[in-house]
Each structure stands twice: as C-alpha cells, then as structure tokens.
Amino acid sequence: MTVTSVDKDLDHLTLTLVADFTAPVERVWQLWADPRQLERWWGPPAYPATVEEHDLTPGGAVSYYMTGPEGDKYRGWWRVTAVDPPTSLEFVDGFADQDGKPNDTMPTTTARVRLTAHDGGTRMELRSVFESREDMERLMKMGMAEGLQQAVGQIDALLAA
C-alpha cells in the first residue's frame, strides 16, 4: 500500500492523507483528470464509483455515485474551486440525495490535492478541511478516514496496469 500517513487534526479541522507512488506526476494527475480512471479508485473497494459528470475547471462540477455490496447507491458531488494541472486540485466535496441534488443536511469538506515529484515518483497529499469539529467527528464516525485510505490503496494496481 502506498499510503504513508493519515493524520486527523481536530484542532485544525483537517484530515490529511499522504501517499507515495512510483509513477511520474503527470501519470498520477491522470487518475484525477480522466473520469474513467477516477471511478476505478474513488471509493473503497466494496463501494466502486461511477462518475456521471466530470468538469475539472474552476466552477466546474463532478457528480458520482458509489454502489454498495447490496446494490445501494450513495451519491456525491464536487464543486471545483481551483485547478493547476498536473500538480493541484481543490474542490468542495459533498453528499447528494438520490436525485443527485446536494444534501444540505450532510457536512461538506474542502479537499486540496497536491502532487509533487518525490524520490523519483510522486507524492500525493490529499487534505480535507472541515467546517466544524462536529462535522469532522460525524464524518470520522461514518468511516471517512478508513474509506479514503482503502480508496487510495487501489491506485498502485491502476498505475501498474
């Protein structure tokens, strides 16, 4: 597994995952930029993603759903706030209802992705910033940290293919 650390910081309301890959930055960027590659790892192994909309431009949107083992669907969305290919991406990440509309009763996070050259490969830092301690605790109880670690853990196989 390529995940080197997962740091939960309740004081700064952040969850930071760091992973190292043997591929160059441009190749790792494609895992975000190509919706067919994104859906092969965005979501834990038992909850594969299907990307329905994918616009990685400032103001653009990504919509997707994850399908659980029993066939149940969990929808989500991103609102892209900044993009600097192939090194950074920022977006607001939220839950959606069954019609794909943002679910205002669920917390959102701001995700910041940084890709940098590291030891002949790429270091990916994915930092999620929460709006409140309550939101962070709620998402941690839902398994966000473990799910993210499992999802990113699938990337090595994709890069090797």
Foldseek 3Di string as FASTA:
>chain_A
DFWPDWDQDLVQQKTKIKGWALAALQVVLCCQQPQVNVQQQVWFPQWGKDWDAHDQDAQGKTKIWTAHNVRDIWIKMWGWHDDDPPFKTKTKIATAPPVRHGDPVAWIWIWIWGWDDDPNHIMIMIMTHGPHSVNSVVVVVVPPRVTVVNRVVSVRVVVVD
